[in-house]
Amino acid sequence: MVKNIRRSILLYLTVIATIVAIYSFIFLFLMLREGQHIPSQMENVNPVTAIYWVIATMTTVGYGDVYFIGNAGRVFSSIVAISGVIFLFGMLFPLVLTPWLDARVKSLLPTRVPSKLSDHLIICGYSPMVESLIEELEHYKTPFVVVESDETIVKDLFEKGILCIHGDPSDKDTLDGANIRTANCLITNKSDEMDANIILTAREMSDLTIIAILEDLSKREYLEYAGASNVIAPKSMLGSFIGRKAVDPTVSHLVGATEFLKDVEIIEFPIYPRSELVGKSLRDAGIRERTGCNIIGVWTGGELSLNPKPTDVIRSNSILLAVGTEAQLLKLKKLVR
């Protein structure tokens, strides 16, 4: 990255220096042609004045103390002014300033976690679901780190005091910076293609548990073949539940609970029509206070709302995505019925 920026700066300066030199020669030629080399105006026909005029014109400063009196000179002045806008403003920002500023911002972002961090969870990719998961991890005081390639997200997480690092989660250096060799679990939450790359890289470096959050169910086998320990597909889970519910109305859960940390599981519970939770907001239901579970998502009308608000109302067709221990989830199971 640094080499590319230096190369861009060098190229830009070379182009600008060449343009200034060419324009300066043309300036001297036109000044001589206009007869401005006579003794009374001789100060206008010299290299220093030529460079001064070119720079003043290209930067659109144009003091007006040196100018052409002929049509050819005026046309040339217009060309220099227009090209100056293109070269200085059209090329300066995309080729030099923007890459330099991006590099400066990225250099300030964290790229490694403390060396003492161990037995932690690595989360590759930030999303609303991850935001809810982070709240649960903090509640259980479980160490974790978020790995994200978007510098804006990393900056926001860093300002919130959430342990995170910036980098490509499929890169060995990035995962090494997340202390993958001492971690006990990794969750991939990017695109299915990106998840496959992350899993392959992580599996080369460690035999930790890897959980992939799947978008397309047809890619499940690829992620498992890449080395995923478990694959979760929220959209297909809903479809499976609807189908099983149509066949057997007494089915009590969507799929088996998925354990992603020791004694901590994630599962989805449908709300039964006679449940005492129906019609109550998440705040009024007091699920956390009564069961210890944390609700990180709510299915309503086929739509999954991640990181639900306390004011969201639980309906008879809702499905709660809950995280907790087995004992806590059993308490919630009784409430949803």
C-alpha atoms as a PDB file:
ATOM      1  CA  MET A   1       0.000   0.000   0.000  1.00  0.00           C
ATOM      2  CA  VAL A   2       2.750   2.438   0.977  1.00  0.00           C
ATOM      3  CA  LYS A   3       4.743   1.560  -2.140  1.00  0.00           C
ATOM      4  CA  ASN A   4       1.714   2.217  -4.335  1.00  0.00           C
ATOM      5  CA  ILE A   5       1.178   5.623  -2.734  1.00  0.00           C
ATOM      6  CA  ARG A   6       4.827   6.563  -3.186  1.00  0.00           C
ATOM      7  CA  ARG A   7       4.665   5.411  -6.800  1.00  0.00           C
ATOM      8  CA  SER A   8       1.538   7.510  -7.401  1.00  0.00           C
ATOM      9  CA  ILE A   9       3.108  10.589  -5.819  1.00  0.00           C
ATOM     10  CA  LEU A  10       6.287  10.170  -7.882  1.00  0.00           C
ATOM     11  CA  LEU A  11       4.278   9.720 -11.082  1.00  0.00           C
ATOM     12  CA  TYR A  12       2.132  12.750 -10.300  1.00  0.00           C
ATOM     13  CA  LEU A  13       5.128  14.997  -9.562  1.00  0.00           C
ATOM     14  CA  THR A  14       6.870  13.821 -12.737  1.00  0.00           C
ATOM     15  CA  VAL A  15       3.820  14.608 -14.865  1.00  0.00           C
ATOM     16  CA  ILE A  16       3.359  18.044 -13.277  1.00  0.00           C
ATOM     17  CA  ALA A  17       7.054  18.927 -13.661  1.00  0.00           C
ATOM     18  CA  THR A  18       6.986  17.867 -17.318  1.00  0.00           C
ATOM     19  CA  ILE A  19       3.835  19.900 -18.031  1.00  0.00           C
ATOM     20  CA  VAL A  20       5.271  22.985 -16.306  1.00  0.00           C
ATOM     21  CA  ALA A  21       8.501  22.692 -18.329  1.00  0.00           C
ATOM     22  CA  ILE A  22       6.634  22.342 -21.657  1.00  0.00           C
ATOM     23  CA  TYR A  23       4.314  25.253 -20.861  1.00  0.00           C
ATOM     24  CA  SER A  24       7.286  27.404 -19.829  1.00  0.00           C
ATOM     25  CA  PHE A  25       9.007  26.853 -23.200  1.00  0.00           C
ATOM     26  CA  ILE A  26       5.782  27.690 -25.035  1.00  0.00           C
ATOM     27  CA  PHE A  27       5.395  30.794 -22.856  1.00  0.00           C
ATOM     28  CA  LEU A  28       8.888  32.031 -23.795  1.00  0.00           C
ATOM     29  CA  PHE A  29       8.248  31.325 -27.490  1.00  0.00           C
ATOM     30  CA  LEU A  30       4.961  33.242 -27.544  1.00  0.00           C
ATOM     31  CA  MET A  31       6.421  36.144 -25.566  1.00  0.00           C
ATOM     32  CA  LEU A  32       9.232  36.483 -28.122  1.00  0.00           C
ATOM     33  CA  ARG A  33       6.705  36.197 -30.930  1.00  0.00           C
ATOM     34  CA  GLU A  34       4.619  39.012 -29.457  1.00  0.00           C
ATOM     35  CA  GLY A  35       7.709  41.209 -29.220  1.00  0.00           C
ATOM     36  CA  GLN A  36       7.726  41.366 -25.442  1.00  0.00           C
ATOM     37  CA  HIS A  37      11.504  40.940 -25.548  1.00  0.00           C
ATOM     38  CA  ILE A  38      12.127  44.627 -26.172  1.00  0.00           C
ATOM     39  CA  PRO A  39      14.185  46.327 -23.448  1.00  0.00           C
ATOM     40  CA  SER A  40      11.178  47.868 -21.658  1.00  0.00           C
ATOM     41  CA  GLN A  41       9.462  44.497 -21.266  1.00  0.00           C
ATOM     42  CA  MET A  42      12.464  42.206 -21.122  1.00  0.00           C
ATOM     43  CA  GLU A  43      11.607  41.063 -17.568  1.00  0.00           C
ATOM     44  CA  ASN A  44       8.764  38.945 -19.014  1.00  0.00           C
ATOM     45  CA  VAL A  45      11.070  36.817 -21.179  1.00  0.00           C
ATOM     46  CA  ASN A  46      13.119  34.673 -18.795  1.00  0.00           C
ATOM     47  CA  PRO A  47      12.796  31.161 -17.327  1.00  0.00           C
ATOM     48  CA  VAL A  48      11.884  32.339 -13.820  1.00  0.00           C
ATOM     49  CA  THR A  49       9.011  34.495 -15.080  1.00  0.00           C
ATOM     50  CA  ALA A  50       7.889  31.661 -17.370  1.00  0.00           C
ATOM     51  CA  ILE A  51       7.655  29.163 -14.487  1.00  0.00           C
ATOM     52  CA  TYR A  52       6.011  31.799 -12.280  1.00  0.00           C
ATOM     53  CA  TRP A  53       3.350  32.532 -14.926  1.00  0.00           C
ATOM     54  CA  VAL A  54       2.637  28.845 -15.620  1.00  0.00           C
ATOM     55  CA  ILE A  55       2.173  28.017 -11.938  1.00  0.00           C
ATOM     56  CA  ALA A  56       0.019  31.109 -11.301  1.00  0.00           C
ATOM     57  CA  THR A  57      -2.164  30.282 -14.314  1.00  0.00           C
ATOM     58  CA  MET A  58      -2.482  26.528 -13.624  1.00  0.00           C
ATOM     59  CA  THR A  59      -3.526  27.189 -10.037  1.00  0.00           C
ATOM     60  CA  THR A  60      -6.037  29.789 -11.372  1.00  0.00           C
ATOM     61  CA  VAL A  61      -4.426  32.489  -9.203  1.00  0.00           C
ATOM     62  CA  GLY A  62      -3.662  34.688 -12.217  1.00  0.00           C
ATOM     63  CA  TYR A  63      -2.226  37.863 -10.662  1.00  0.00           C
ATOM     64  CA  GLY A  64      -2.373  39.667 -14.018  1.00  0.00           C
ATOM     65  CA  ASP A  65       1.103  41.216 -13.816  1.00  0.00           C
ATOM     66  CA  VAL A  66       2.292  39.049 -16.713  1.00  0.00           C
ATOM     67  CA  TYR A  67      -0.035  38.478 -19.669  1.00  0.00           C
ATOM     68  CA  PHE A  68      -0.229  37.962 -23.411  1.00  0.00           C
ATOM     69  CA  ILE A  69      -1.518  40.603 -25.767  1.00  0.00           C
ATOM     70  CA  GLY A  70      -1.998  38.466 -28.885  1.00  0.00           C
ATOM     71  CA  ASN A  71      -4.775  35.942 -29.672  1.00  0.00           C
ATOM     72  CA  ALA A  72      -2.386  32.980 -29.718  1.00  0.00           C
ATOM     73  CA  GLY A  73      -1.149  33.866 -26.250  1.00  0.00           C
ATOM     74  CA  ARG A  74      -4.668  34.251 -24.913  1.00  0.00           C
ATOM     75  CA  VAL A  75      -5.712  30.867 -26.309  1.00  0.00           C
ATOM     76  CA  PHE A  76      -2.618  29.349 -24.731  1.00  0.00           C
ATOM     77  CA  SER A  77      -3.507  30.997 -21.399  1.00  0.00           C
ATOM     78  CA  SER A  78      -6.954  29.383 -21.514  1.00  0.00           C
ATOM     79  CA  ILE A  79      -5.471  25.961 -22.247  1.00  0.00           C
ATOM     80  CA  VAL A  80      -3.019  26.290 -19.342  1.00  0.00           C
ATOM     81  CA  ALA A  81      -5.780  27.351 -16.946  1.00  0.00           C
ATOM     82  CA  ILE A  82      -8.104  24.480 -17.932  1.00  0.00           C
ATOM     83  CA  SER A  83      -5.358  21.863 -17.825  1.00  0.00           C
ATOM     84  CA  GLY A  84      -4.291  23.205 -14.436  1.00  0.00           C
ATOM     85  CA  VAL A  85      -7.748  22.494 -13.034  1.00  0.00           C
ATOM     86  CA  ILE A  86      -7.574  18.969 -14.473  1.00  0.00           C
ATOM     87  CA  PHE A  87      -4.055  18.154 -13.328  1.00  0.00           C
ATOM     88  CA  LEU A  88      -4.125  19.856  -9.948  1.00  0.00           C
ATOM     89  CA  PHE A  89      -7.667  19.123  -8.837  1.00  0.00           C
ATOM     90  CA  GLY A  90      -8.763  16.221 -11.044  1.00  0.00           C
ATOM     91  CA  MET A  91      -5.604  14.173 -10.450  1.00  0.00           C
ATOM     92  CA  LEU A  92      -4.240  15.478  -7.156  1.00  0.00           C
ATOM     93  CA  PHE A  93      -7.092  14.167  -5.008  1.00  0.00           C
ATOM     94  CA  PRO A  94      -7.630  10.666  -6.484  1.00  0.00           C
ATOM     95  CA  LEU A  95      -3.931   9.909  -7.089  1.00  0.00           C
ATOM     96  CA  VAL A  96      -2.248  11.537  -4.107  1.00  0.00           C
ATOM     97  CA  LEU A  97      -4.376  13.024  -1.327  1.00  0.00           C
ATOM     98  CA  THR A  98      -7.140  10.410  -1.058  1.00  0.00           C
ATOM     99  CA  PRO A  99      -4.793   7.361  -0.997  1.00  0.00           C
ATOM    100  CA  TRP A 100      -2.502   9.162   1.453  1.00  0.00           C
ATOM    101  CA  LEU A 101      -5.380  10.017   3.805  1.00  0.00           C
ATOM    102  CA  ASP A 102      -6.735   6.448   3.575  1.00  0.00           C
ATOM    103  CA  ALA A 103      -3.322   5.087   4.456  1.00  0.00           C
ATOM    104  CA  ARG A 104      -3.067   7.461   7.410  1.00  0.00           C
ATOM    105  CA  VAL A 105      -6.496   6.412   8.721  1.00  0.00           C
ATOM    106  CA  LYS A 106      -5.723   2.700   8.323  1.00  0.00           C
ATOM    107  CA  SER A 107      -2.368   3.079  10.040  1.00  0.00           C
ATOM    108  CA  LEU A 108      -4.166   4.395  13.138  1.00  0.00           C
ATOM    109  CA  LEU A 109      -6.578   1.426  13.307  1.00  0.00           C
ATOM    110  CA  PRO A 110      -5.705  -1.585  15.502  1.00  0.00           C
ATOM    111  CA  THR A 111      -4.344  -4.621  13.665  1.00  0.00           C
ATOM    112  CA  ARG A 112      -3.414  -6.863  16.605  1.00  0.00           C
ATOM    113  CA  VAL A 113      -4.975  -7.855  19.912  1.00  0.00           C
ATOM    114  CA  PRO A 114      -3.005  -8.071  23.159  1.00  0.00           C
ATOM    115  CA  SER A 115      -0.721 -11.120  23.173  1.00  0.00           C
ATOM    116  CA  LYS A 116      -2.220 -12.308  26.467  1.00  0.00           C
ATOM    117  CA  LEU A 117      -5.718 -12.700  24.939  1.00  0.00           C
ATOM    118  CA  SER A 118      -6.641 -16.404  24.831  1.00  0.00           C
ATOM    119  CA  ASP A 119      -9.659 -18.746  24.977  1.00  0.00           C
ATOM    120  CA  HIS A 120     -11.577 -16.087  23.106  1.00  0.00           C
ATOM    121  CA  LEU A 121     -14.108 -15.896  20.291  1.00  0.00           C
ATOM    122  CA  ILE A 122     -13.132 -14.432  16.905  1.00  0.00           C
ATOM    123  CA  ILE A 123     -16.004 -12.832  14.981  1.00  0.00           C
ATOM    124  CA  CYS A 124     -15.238 -12.224  11.302  1.00  0.00           C
ATOM    125  CA  GLY A 125     -17.652  -9.615   9.954  1.00  0.00           C
ATOM    126  CA  TYR A 126     -19.858  -7.150  11.815  1.00  0.00           C
ATOM    127  CA  SER A 127     -23.662  -7.020  11.431  1.00  0.00           C
ATOM    128  CA  PRO A 128     -26.787  -6.324  13.531  1.00  0.00           C
ATOM    129  CA  MET A 129     -26.792  -9.989  14.601  1.00  0.00           C
ATOM    130  CA  VAL A 130     -23.194  -9.639  15.751  1.00  0.00           C
ATOM    131  CA  GLU A 131     -24.151  -6.496  17.648  1.00  0.00           C
ATOM    132  CA  SER A 132     -26.665  -8.520  19.660  1.00  0.00           C
ATOM    133  CA  LEU A 133     -24.178 -11.350  20.075  1.00  0.00           C
ATOM    134  CA  ILE A 134     -21.620  -8.906  21.466  1.00  0.00           C
ATOM    135  CA  GLU A 135     -24.089  -7.814  24.139  1.00  0.00           C
ATOM    136  CA  GLU A 136     -24.541 -11.452  25.131  1.00  0.00           C
ATOM    137  CA  LEU A 137     -20.802 -12.110  25.198  1.00  0.00           C
ATOM    138  CA  GLU A 138     -20.237  -9.062  27.373  1.00  0.00           C
ATOM    139  CA  HIS A 139     -23.008 -10.262  29.699  1.00  0.00           C
ATOM    140  CA  TYR A 140     -21.234 -13.606  30.145  1.00  0.00           C
ATOM    141  CA  LYS A 141     -17.866 -11.842  30.308  1.00  0.00           C
ATOM    142  CA  THR A 142     -16.618 -13.935  27.397  1.00  0.00           C
ATOM    143  CA  PRO A 143     -13.496 -12.514  25.695  1.00  0.00           C
ATOM    144  CA  PHE A 144     -13.903 -11.835  21.980  1.00  0.00           C
ATOM    145  CA  VAL A 145     -12.525  -9.792  19.099  1.00  0.00           C
ATOM    146  CA  VAL A 146     -14.250  -8.519  15.955  1.00  0.00           C
ATOM    147  CA  VAL A 147     -12.273  -8.749  12.701  1.00  0.00           C
ATOM    148  CA  GLU A 148     -13.555  -6.336  10.050  1.00  0.00           C
ATOM    149  CA  SER A 149     -12.176  -5.074   6.735  1.00  0.00           C
ATOM    150  CA  ASP A 150     -14.312  -1.916   6.696  1.00  0.00           C
ATOM    151  CA  GLU A 151     -12.259   0.816   8.371  1.00  0.00           C
ATOM    152  CA  THR A 152     -15.368   2.889   9.143  1.00  0.00           C
ATOM    153  CA  ILE A 153     -16.898   0.033  11.152  1.00  0.00           C
ATOM    154  CA  VAL A 154     -13.602  -0.658  12.933  1.00  0.00           C
ATOM    155  CA  LYS A 155     -13.261   3.003  13.859  1.00  0.00           C
ATOM    156  CA  ASP A 156     -16.809   3.050  15.252  1.00  0.00           C
ATOM    157  CA  LEU A 157     -16.245  -0.151  17.258  1.00  0.00           C
ATOM    158  CA  PHE A 158     -12.919   1.149  18.552  1.00  0.00           C
ATOM    159  CA  GLU A 159     -14.555   4.354  19.749  1.00  0.00           C
ATOM    160  CA  LYS A 160     -17.187   2.282  21.572  1.00  0.00           C
ATOM    161  CA  GLY A 161     -14.458   0.389  23.403  1.00  0.00           C
ATOM    162  CA  ILE A 162     -15.142  -2.925  21.637  1.00  0.00           C
ATOM    163  CA  LEU A 163     -12.042  -5.018  20.997  1.00  0.00           C
ATOM    164  CA  CYS A 164     -11.551  -5.140  17.234  1.00  0.00           C
ATOM    165  CA  ILE A 165      -8.880  -5.235  14.552  1.00  0.00           C
ATOM    166  CA  HIS A 166      -8.819  -4.013  10.974  1.00  0.00           C
ATOM    167  CA  GLY A 167      -7.855  -6.341   8.163  1.00  0.00           C
ATOM    168  CA  ASP A 168      -8.915  -9.006   5.701  1.00  0.00           C
ATOM    169  CA  PRO A 169     -10.272 -11.900   7.824  1.00  0.00           C
ATOM    170  CA  SER A 170      -9.150 -14.388   5.160  1.00  0.00           C
ATOM    171  CA  ASP A 171      -5.548 -13.229   5.478  1.00  0.00           C
ATOM    172  CA  LYS A 172      -3.174 -15.198   7.701  1.00  0.00           C
ATOM    173  CA  ASP A 173      -1.547 -12.066   9.111  1.00  0.00           C
ATOM    174  CA  THR A 174      -4.945 -10.713  10.155  1.00  0.00           C
ATOM    175  CA  LEU A 175      -5.996 -13.945  11.876  1.00  0.00           C
ATOM    176  CA  ASP A 176      -2.583 -14.153  13.470  1.00  0.00           C
ATOM    177  CA  GLY A 177      -3.184 -10.635  14.792  1.00  0.00           C
ATOM    178  CA  ALA A 178      -6.434 -11.956  16.318  1.00  0.00           C
ATOM    179  CA  ASN A 179      -4.466 -14.657  18.199  1.00  0.00           C
ATOM    180  CA  ILE A 180      -6.244 -17.456  16.361  1.00  0.00           C
ATOM    181  CA  ARG A 181      -3.854 -20.078  17.753  1.00  0.00           C
ATOM    182  CA  THR A 182      -5.081 -19.421  21.299  1.00  0.00           C
ATOM    183  CA  ALA A 183      -8.771 -18.849  20.410  1.00  0.00           C
ATOM    184  CA  ASN A 184     -11.427 -21.510  21.024  1.00  0.00           C
ATOM    185  CA  CYS A 185     -14.032 -20.497  18.438  1.00  0.00           C
ATOM    186  CA  LEU A 186     -14.360 -18.502  15.218  1.00  0.00           C
ATOM    187  CA  ILE A 187     -17.581 -17.254  13.621  1.00  0.00           C
ATOM    188  CA  THR A 188     -17.654 -16.241   9.947  1.00  0.00           C
ATOM    189  CA  ASN A 189     -20.324 -13.700   9.056  1.00  0.00           C
ATOM    190  CA  LYS A 190     -19.329 -12.448   5.613  1.00  0.00           C
ATOM    191  CA  SER A 191     -20.537 -13.582   2.169  1.00  0.00           C
ATOM    192  CA  ASP A 192     -20.560 -17.338   1.523  1.00  0.00           C
ATOM    193  CA  GLU A 193     -17.577 -17.023  -0.843  1.00  0.00           C
ATOM    194  CA  MET A 194     -15.642 -14.948   1.673  1.00  0.00           C
ATOM    195  CA  ASP A 195     -16.592 -17.333   4.471  1.00  0.00           C
ATOM    196  CA  ALA A 196     -15.093 -20.240   2.530  1.00  0.00           C
ATOM    197  CA  ASN A 197     -11.778 -18.391   2.204  1.00  0.00           C
ATOM    198  CA  ILE A 198     -11.807 -17.476   5.892  1.00  0.00           C
ATOM    199  CA  ILE A 199     -12.510 -21.077   6.919  1.00  0.00           C
ATOM    200  CA  LEU A 200      -9.730 -22.467   4.714  1.00  0.00           C
ATOM    201  CA  THR A 201      -7.211 -19.989   6.127  1.00  0.00           C
ATOM    202  CA  ALA A 202      -8.335 -20.481   9.720  1.00  0.00           C
ATOM    203  CA  ARG A 203      -8.278 -24.268   9.402  1.00  0.00           C
ATOM    204  CA  GLU A 204      -4.666 -24.154   8.217  1.00  0.00           C
ATOM    205  CA  MET A 205      -3.696 -22.231  11.328  1.00  0.00           C
ATOM    206  CA  SER A 206      -5.784 -23.868  14.058  1.00  0.00           C
ATOM    207  CA  ASP A 207      -8.169 -26.717  14.878  1.00  0.00           C
ATOM    208  CA  LEU A 208     -10.571 -24.447  16.785  1.00  0.00           C
ATOM    209  CA  THR A 209     -14.362 -24.637  16.386  1.00  0.00           C
ATOM    210  CA  ILE A 210     -15.558 -22.742  13.292  1.00  0.00           C
ATOM    211  CA  ILE A 211     -19.192 -21.695  12.892  1.00  0.00           C
ATOM    212  CA  ALA A 212     -20.329 -20.275   9.530  1.00  0.00           C
ATOM    213  CA  ILE A 213     -23.451 -18.143   9.092  1.00  0.00           C
ATOM    214  CA  LEU A 214     -24.751 -19.194   5.683  1.00  0.00           C
ATOM    215  CA  GLU A 215     -26.677 -17.097   3.159  1.00  0.00           C
ATOM    216  CA  ASP A 216     -27.321 -19.688   0.425  1.00  0.00           C
ATOM    217  CA  LEU A 217     -28.202 -23.200   1.626  1.00  0.00           C
ATOM    218  CA  SER A 218     -26.763 -24.711  -1.562  1.00  0.00           C
ATOM    219  CA  LYS A 219     -23.300 -23.631  -0.392  1.00  0.00           C
ATOM    220  CA  ARG A 220     -23.536 -25.564   2.869  1.00  0.00           C
ATOM    221  CA  GLU A 221     -21.474 -28.525   1.671  1.00  0.00           C
ATOM    222  CA  TYR A 222     -18.719 -26.236   0.391  1.00  0.00           C
ATOM    223  CA  LEU A 223     -18.320 -24.561   3.774  1.00  0.00           C
ATOM    224  CA  GLU A 224     -18.369 -27.894   5.577  1.00  0.00           C
ATOM    225  CA  TYR A 225     -15.814 -29.271   3.127  1.00  0.00           C
ATOM    226  CA  ALA A 226     -13.671 -26.163   3.716  1.00  0.00           C
ATOM    227  CA  GLY A 227     -13.573 -27.080   7.389  1.00  0.00           C
ATOM    228  CA  ALA A 228     -16.573 -25.488   9.127  1.00  0.00           C
ATOM    229  CA  SER A 229     -17.517 -27.280  12.328  1.00  0.00           C
ATOM    230  CA  ASN A 230     -21.096 -26.064  12.132  1.00  0.00           C
ATOM    231  CA  VAL A 231     -23.154 -24.122   9.594  1.00  0.00           C
ATOM    232  CA  ILE A 232     -26.139 -21.941  10.505  1.00  0.00           C
ATOM    233  CA  ALA A 233     -28.581 -20.809   7.795  1.00  0.00           C
ATOM    234  CA  PRO A 234     -31.189 -18.474   9.347  1.00  0.00           C
ATOM    235  CA  LYS A 235     -33.328 -18.132   6.204  1.00  0.00           C
ATOM    236  CA  SER A 236     -33.515 -21.865   5.551  1.00  0.00           C
ATOM    237  CA  MET A 237     -34.191 -22.446   9.247  1.00  0.00           C
ATOM    238  CA  LEU A 238     -37.370 -20.383   8.974  1.00  0.00           C
ATOM    239  CA  GLY A 239     -38.506 -22.276   5.883  1.00  0.00           C
ATOM    240  CA  SER A 240     -37.825 -25.589   7.611  1.00  0.00           C
ATOM    241  CA  PHE A 241     -39.825 -24.512  10.622  1.00  0.00           C
ATOM    242  CA  ILE A 242     -42.824 -23.434   8.536  1.00  0.00           C
ATOM    243  CA  GLY A 243     -42.806 -26.772   6.706  1.00  0.00           C
ATOM    244  CA  ARG A 244     -42.500 -28.831   9.875  1.00  0.00           C
ATOM    245  CA  LYS A 245     -45.154 -26.752  11.591  1.00  0.00           C
ATOM    246  CA  ALA A 246     -47.584 -27.404   8.732  1.00  0.00           C
ATOM    247  CA  VAL A 247     -47.009 -31.153   9.013  1.00  0.00           C
ATOM    248  CA  ASP A 248     -46.866 -31.312  12.808  1.00  0.00           C
ATOM    249  CA  PRO A 249     -48.402 -28.349  14.687  1.00  0.00           C
ATOM    250  CA  THR A 250     -46.971 -29.663  17.966  1.00  0.00           C
ATOM    251  CA  VAL A 251     -43.341 -29.162  16.917  1.00  0.00           C
ATOM    252  CA  SER A 252     -41.751 -27.081  19.636  1.00  0.00           C
ATOM    253  CA  HIS A 253     -38.597 -25.743  18.061  1.00  0.00           C
ATOM    254  CA  LEU A 254     -37.117 -24.781  14.737  1.00  0.00           C
ATOM    255  CA  VAL A 255     -33.880 -26.763  14.846  1.00  0.00           C
ATOM    256  CA  GLY A 256     -31.630 -28.198  17.497  1.00  0.00           C
ATOM    257  CA  ALA A 257     -29.674 -25.753  19.569  1.00  0.00           C
ATOM    258  CA  THR A 258     -26.262 -24.794  18.226  1.00  0.00           C
ATOM    259  CA  GLU A 259     -23.511 -24.508  20.817  1.00  0.00           C
ATOM    260  CA  PHE A 260     -21.012 -21.777  19.941  1.00  0.00           C
ATOM    261  CA  LEU A 261     -19.388 -21.417  23.340  1.00  0.00           C
ATOM    262  CA  LYS A 262     -19.050 -23.714  26.313  1.00  0.00           C
ATOM    263  CA  ASP A 263     -22.539 -24.080  27.862  1.00  0.00           C
ATOM    264  CA  VAL A 264     -23.905 -21.249  25.680  1.00  0.00           C
ATOM    265  CA  GLU A 265     -26.329 -22.131  22.878  1.00  0.00           C
ATOM    266  CA  ILE A 266     -28.421 -20.371  20.253  1.00  0.00           C
ATOM    267  CA  ILE A 267     -31.904 -21.600  19.282  1.00  0.00           C
ATOM    268  CA  GLU A 268     -35.194 -20.345  17.839  1.00  0.00           C
ATOM    269  CA  PHE A 269     -38.520 -20.713  19.683  1.00  0.00           C
ATOM    270  CA  PRO A 270     -41.944 -20.192  18.037  1.00  0.00           C
ATOM    271  CA  ILE A 271     -44.550 -18.305  20.046  1.00  0.00           C
ATOM    272  CA  TYR A 272     -47.714 -20.320  20.600  1.00  0.00           C
ATOM    273  CA  PRO A 273     -51.109 -18.569  20.367  1.00  0.00           C
ATOM    274  CA  ARG A 274     -51.852 -19.092  24.088  1.00  0.00           C
ATOM    275  CA  SER A 275     -48.427 -18.053  25.298  1.00  0.00           C
ATOM    276  CA  GLU A 276     -48.430 -15.434  28.027  1.00  0.00           C
ATOM    277  CA  LEU A 277     -45.861 -13.478  25.982  1.00  0.00           C
ATOM    278  CA  VAL A 278     -48.284 -12.706  23.129  1.00  0.00           C
ATOM    279  CA  GLY A 279     -49.091  -8.992  22.893  1.00  0.00           C
ATOM    280  CA  LYS A 280     -46.305  -7.919  25.214  1.00  0.00           C
ATOM    281  CA  SER A 281     -43.247  -5.886  24.271  1.00  0.00           C
ATOM    282  CA  LEU A 282     -39.850  -7.412  24.863  1.00  0.00           C
ATOM    283  CA  ARG A 283     -39.382  -5.011  27.761  1.00  0.00           C
ATOM    284  CA  ASP A 284     -42.701  -5.893  29.407  1.00  0.00           C
ATOM    285  CA  ALA A 285     -42.159  -9.624  28.849  1.00  0.00           C
ATOM    286  CA  GLY A 286     -39.029  -9.443  31.000  1.00  0.00           C
ATOM    287  CA  ILE A 287     -37.528 -12.508  29.321  1.00  0.00           C
ATOM    288  CA  ARG A 288     -34.009 -11.770  30.453  1.00  0.00           C
ATOM    289  CA  GLU A 289     -35.017 -11.153  34.041  1.00  0.00           C
ATOM    290  CA  ARG A 290     -37.185 -14.280  34.168  1.00  0.00           C
ATOM    291  CA  THR A 291     -35.021 -16.744  32.244  1.00  0.00           C
ATOM    292  CA  GLY A 292     -31.543 -15.255  31.817  1.00  0.00           C
ATOM    293  CA  CYS A 293     -31.806 -15.638  28.027  1.00  0.00           C
ATOM    294  CA  ASN A 294     -30.976 -12.816  25.668  1.00  0.00           C
ATOM    295  CA  ILE A 295     -33.201 -12.279  22.602  1.00  0.00           C
ATOM    296  CA  ILE A 296     -30.951 -11.378  19.654  1.00  0.00           C
ATOM    297  CA  GLY A 297     -33.538 -11.654  16.884  1.00  0.00           C
ATOM    298  CA  VAL A 298     -37.269 -11.889  16.218  1.00  0.00           C
ATOM    299  CA  TRP A 299     -38.956 -13.447  13.186  1.00  0.00           C
ATOM    300  CA  THR A 300     -42.278 -11.736  12.413  1.00  0.00           C
ATOM    301  CA  GLY A 301     -44.230 -12.304   9.211  1.00  0.00           C
ATOM    302  CA  GLY A 302     -41.233 -13.918   7.533  1.00  0.00           C
ATOM    303  CA  GLU A 303     -38.936 -10.993   8.323  1.00  0.00           C
ATOM    304  CA  LEU A 304     -35.977 -11.376  10.671  1.00  0.00           C
ATOM    305  CA  SER A 305     -35.299  -8.368  12.883  1.00  0.00           C
ATOM    306  CA  LEU A 306     -31.813  -8.550  14.351  1.00  0.00           C
ATOM    307  CA  ASN A 307     -30.992  -6.692  17.546  1.00  0.00           C
ATOM    308  CA  PRO A 308     -34.716  -6.040  18.283  1.00  0.00           C
ATOM    309  CA  LYS A 309     -35.827  -3.004  20.235  1.00  0.00           C
ATOM    310  CA  PRO A 310     -37.306  -3.295  23.736  1.00  0.00           C
ATOM    311  CA  THR A 311     -40.548  -1.838  22.361  1.00  0.00           C
ATOM    312  CA  ASP A 312     -40.974  -4.569  19.712  1.00  0.00           C
ATOM    313  CA  VAL A 313     -44.189  -6.528  20.348  1.00  0.00           C
ATOM    314  CA  ILE A 314     -44.253 -10.326  20.495  1.00  0.00           C
ATOM    315  CA  ARG A 315     -47.030 -11.779  18.326  1.00  0.00           C
ATOM    316  CA  SER A 316     -48.553 -15.227  18.006  1.00  0.00           C
ATOM    317  CA  ASN A 317     -46.665 -15.831  14.740  1.00  0.00           C
ATOM    318  CA  SER A 318     -43.335 -14.581  16.067  1.00  0.00           C
ATOM    319  CA  ILE A 319     -40.210 -16.695  16.463  1.00  0.00           C
ATOM    320  CA  LEU A 320     -37.618 -15.684  19.030  1.00  0.00           C
ATOM    321  CA  LEU A 321     -33.916 -16.183  18.342  1.00  0.00           C
ATOM    322  CA  ALA A 322     -32.452 -16.667  21.808  1.00  0.00           C
ATOM    323  CA  VAL A 323     -29.002 -17.173  23.326  1.00  0.00           C
ATOM    324  CA  GLY A 324     -28.364 -18.730  26.718  1.00  0.00           C
ATOM    325  CA  THR A 325     -27.448 -21.823  28.652  1.00  0.00           C
ATOM    326  CA  GLU A 326     -29.489 -25.016  28.381  1.00  0.00           C
ATOM    327  CA  ALA A 327     -31.203 -24.361  31.715  1.00  0.00           C
ATOM    328  CA  GLN A 328     -32.094 -20.796  30.685  1.00  0.00           C
ATOM    329  CA  LEU A 329     -33.453 -21.922  27.316  1.00  0.00           C
ATOM    330  CA  LEU A 330     -35.644 -24.530  29.014  1.00  0.00           C
ATOM    331  CA  LYS A 331     -37.225 -21.742  31.088  1.00  0.00           C
ATOM    332  CA  LEU A 332     -37.910 -19.752  27.921  1.00  0.00           C
ATOM    333  CA  LYS A 333     -39.406 -22.849  26.267  1.00  0.00           C
ATOM    334  CA  LYS A 334     -42.056 -22.927  28.953  1.00  0.00           C
ATOM    335  CA  LEU A 335     -42.880 -19.249  28.475  1.00  0.00           C
ATOM    336  CA  VAL A 336     -43.356 -19.446  24.703  1.00  0.00           C
ATOM    337  CA  ARG A 337     -45.965 -22.191  25.225  1.00  0.00           C
END
